Amino acid sequence: MESKFENIARNALENYWSIKLESKKIKISGIEKTFDFVSTDGKIIGDAKFVKGFKKIDDDKLSNIVEDVWLLEKTKAEKKFIIFGGDKNIPKTWLNKFGDITDIMFYYLNDNKIEKLNNKEKKIDELYTMSVWSEDDLKIVNEVRENLNKWNPEKYYLLHQY
């Protein structure tokens, strides 16, 4: 049975990605699981989760997310996600604890606006800007990154033989 939140999330996601999403059973290693959102081609799979607010967020509340993440990780979809409604702190707390060990995308829906909760690029940028490197050092690092694919180790070795 489709929940009100799931229906609202489906409409928001279909507009966000300009695709059709439907609830569908997917077979995962012999187990059938009904996912809330599956694209026609099966490349996008996700679930909806409405979480109520709690005064204290403990591991029991966070463990409810683990099952969804685990099952999504077992699919062959290219894009895997969970969209949350309700208390935003619960998925954010989960991501702070475990977000670095999964590629499942977490989204939050509020007033038909979708917000991406986990952004690994953002974390890297935050760490990058927190460093004590000078602006010139950062320019050199970026230049090295850009030119890394052009680097020829054989040429380097020949030029620097002793």
Protein backbone atom coordinates (compact mmCIF):
# COMPACT_ATOMS: atom_id res chain seq x y z
CA MET A 1 0.00 0.00 0.00
CA GLU A 2 1.37 3.36 -1.03
CA SER A 3 1.77 5.97 1.71
CA LYS A 4 0.93 9.63 1.28
CA PHE A 5 4.61 10.52 1.62
CA GLU A 6 5.60 7.95 -1.00
CA ASN A 7 3.09 9.41 -3.45
CA ILE A 8 4.31 12.98 -2.86
CA ALA A 9 7.93 11.82 -3.15
CA ARG A 10 7.20 9.97 -6.40
CA ASN A 11 5.73 13.11 -7.98
CA ALA A 12 8.65 15.25 -6.79
CA LEU A 13 11.27 12.73 -8.02
CA GLU A 14 9.58 12.27 -11.40
CA ASN A 15 9.70 16.04 -11.89
CA TYR A 16 13.27 16.27 -10.54
CA TRP A 17 14.67 13.62 -12.92
CA SER A 18 12.02 13.86 -15.69
CA ILE A 19 11.37 10.11 -15.58
CA LYS A 20 8.55 7.76 -14.64
CA LEU A 21 8.98 5.81 -11.38
CA GLU A 22 6.81 2.95 -10.18
CA SER A 23 6.71 0.55 -7.27
CA LYS A 24 8.11 -2.78 -8.41
CA LYS A 25 9.31 -6.15 -7.08
CA ILE A 26 12.98 -6.81 -7.77
CA LYS A 27 14.65 -10.18 -7.26
CA ILE A 28 17.89 -9.98 -5.30
CA SER A 29 19.74 -13.29 -4.93
CA GLY A 30 16.48 -15.22 -4.76
CA ILE A 31 14.74 -12.75 -2.44
CA GLU A 32 11.96 -10.54 -3.77
CA LYS A 33 11.85 -6.98 -2.46
CA THR A 34 9.35 -4.33 -3.48
CA PHE A 35 11.09 -1.02 -4.01
CA ASP A 36 9.03 2.17 -3.94
CA PHE A 37 10.69 3.75 -6.97
CA VAL A 38 11.99 1.88 -10.01
CA SER A 39 12.60 3.48 -13.40
CA THR A 40 11.23 1.79 -16.51
CA ASP A 41 14.72 0.62 -17.53
CA GLY A 42 15.64 -0.43 -13.95
CA LYS A 43 18.69 1.84 -13.85
CA ILE A 44 17.25 3.88 -10.97
CA ILE A 45 15.96 2.23 -7.80
CA GLY A 46 15.00 3.81 -4.51
CA ASP A 47 12.85 3.71 -1.41
CA ALA A 48 10.87 6.25 0.59
CA LYS A 49 11.25 6.55 4.34
CA PHE A 50 9.26 8.92 6.53
CA VAL A 51 10.87 9.20 9.95
CA LYS A 52 9.28 10.74 13.00
CA GLY A 53 11.27 13.01 15.25
CA PHE A 54 12.78 11.67 18.44
CA LYS A 55 14.29 13.51 21.37
CA LYS A 56 17.18 11.08 21.38
CA ILE A 57 18.58 9.41 18.27
CA ASP A 58 20.00 6.02 19.23
CA ASP A 59 21.39 3.12 17.22
CA ASP A 60 17.99 1.37 17.09
CA LYS A 61 16.52 4.24 15.11
CA LEU A 62 19.54 4.35 12.81
CA SER A 63 19.47 0.58 12.25
CA ASN A 64 16.14 0.88 10.43
CA ILE A 65 18.00 2.62 7.61
CA VAL A 66 20.62 -0.15 7.37
CA GLU A 67 18.22 -2.70 5.86
CA ASP A 68 17.18 -0.32 3.08
CA VAL A 69 20.79 0.60 2.33
CA TRP A 70 21.90 -3.04 2.31
CA LEU A 71 19.14 -4.17 -0.05
CA LEU A 72 19.71 -1.24 -2.40
CA GLU A 73 23.44 -2.03 -2.49
CA LYS A 74 22.59 -5.55 -3.69
CA THR A 75 20.72 -4.28 -6.78
CA LYS A 76 22.37 -3.74 -10.15
CA ALA A 77 20.89 -0.25 -10.58
CA GLU A 78 23.19 2.59 -11.60
CA LYS A 79 21.51 5.10 -9.29
CA LYS A 80 20.34 3.94 -5.85
CA PHE A 81 18.71 6.21 -3.31
CA ILE A 82 16.51 6.70 -0.28
CA ILE A 83 14.31 9.77 0.00
CA PHE A 84 13.39 10.84 3.52
CA GLY A 85 10.60 12.92 4.94
CA GLY A 86 9.89 13.99 8.50
CA ASP A 87 12.86 14.36 10.83
CA LYS A 88 15.91 15.33 8.79
CA ASN A 89 18.27 14.73 11.74
CA ILE A 90 17.93 10.94 11.59
CA PRO A 91 19.28 10.45 8.04
CA LYS A 92 21.90 13.16 8.65
CA THR A 93 23.06 11.40 11.82
CA TRP A 94 23.22 8.09 9.93
CA LEU A 95 25.29 9.70 7.18
CA ASN A 96 27.68 11.25 9.71
CA LYS A 97 28.29 7.81 11.21
CA PHE A 98 28.17 5.54 8.15
CA GLY A 99 27.94 7.70 5.02
CA ASP A 100 31.51 7.08 3.91
CA ILE A 101 30.90 3.34 3.50
CA THR A 102 27.99 3.52 1.05
CA ASP A 103 27.26 4.98 -2.35
CA ILE A 104 23.51 5.07 -1.75
CA MET A 105 22.28 8.63 -2.22
CA PHE A 106 20.18 10.17 0.54
CA TYR A 107 17.64 12.84 -0.35
CA TYR A 108 15.30 14.83 1.87
CA LEU A 109 11.89 16.05 0.72
CA ASN A 110 10.22 19.04 2.33
CA ASP A 111 7.51 21.19 0.70
CA ASN A 112 8.12 19.46 -2.66
CA LYS A 113 11.79 20.53 -2.57
CA ILE A 114 14.39 17.80 -2.86
CA GLU A 115 17.67 18.25 -1.02
CA LYS A 116 20.68 15.97 -1.49
CA LEU A 117 21.92 15.06 1.99
CA ASN A 118 25.14 13.22 1.22
CA ASN A 119 27.65 14.85 -1.01
CA LYS A 120 31.11 13.32 -0.93
CA GLU A 121 32.47 16.06 -3.18
CA LYS A 122 31.30 18.62 -0.63
CA LYS A 123 33.10 16.76 2.18
CA ILE A 124 36.31 16.70 0.17
CA ASP A 125 36.00 20.42 -0.57
CA GLU A 126 35.41 21.17 3.11
CA LEU A 127 38.52 19.23 4.10
CA TYR A 128 40.43 20.91 1.30
CA THR A 129 39.52 24.39 2.48
CA MET A 130 40.27 23.52 6.12
CA SER A 131 43.85 22.68 5.23
CA VAL A 132 46.75 24.90 6.13
CA TRP A 133 48.08 25.02 2.61
CA SER A 134 48.69 28.33 0.95
CA GLU A 135 46.81 29.44 -2.17
CA ASP A 136 49.95 28.77 -4.27
CA ASP A 137 50.25 25.24 -2.86
CA LEU A 138 46.61 24.54 -3.76
CA LYS A 139 47.21 25.79 -7.31
CA ILE A 140 50.14 23.39 -7.66
CA VAL A 141 48.08 20.48 -6.30
CA ASN A 142 45.26 21.24 -8.75
CA GLU A 143 47.74 21.50 -11.63
CA VAL A 144 49.26 18.14 -10.69
CA ARG A 145 45.77 16.58 -10.54
CA GLU A 146 44.92 17.91 -13.99
CA ASN A 147 48.19 16.75 -15.52
CA LEU A 148 48.41 13.39 -13.78
CA ASN A 149 46.90 11.55 -16.75
CA LYS A 150 49.48 13.13 -19.05
CA TRP A 151 52.41 12.01 -16.90
CA ASN A 152 54.74 9.49 -18.50
CA PRO A 153 56.75 7.57 -15.88
CA GLU A 154 59.21 6.21 -18.46
CA LYS A 155 60.09 9.71 -19.66
CA TYR A 156 60.47 10.87 -16.06
CA TYR A 157 62.77 7.94 -15.28
CA LEU A 158 64.99 8.60 -18.31
CA LEU A 159 65.34 12.29 -17.44
CA HIS A 160 66.25 11.62 -13.83
CA GLN A 161 68.72 8.77 -14.01
CA TYR A 162 71.71 9.16 -11.75
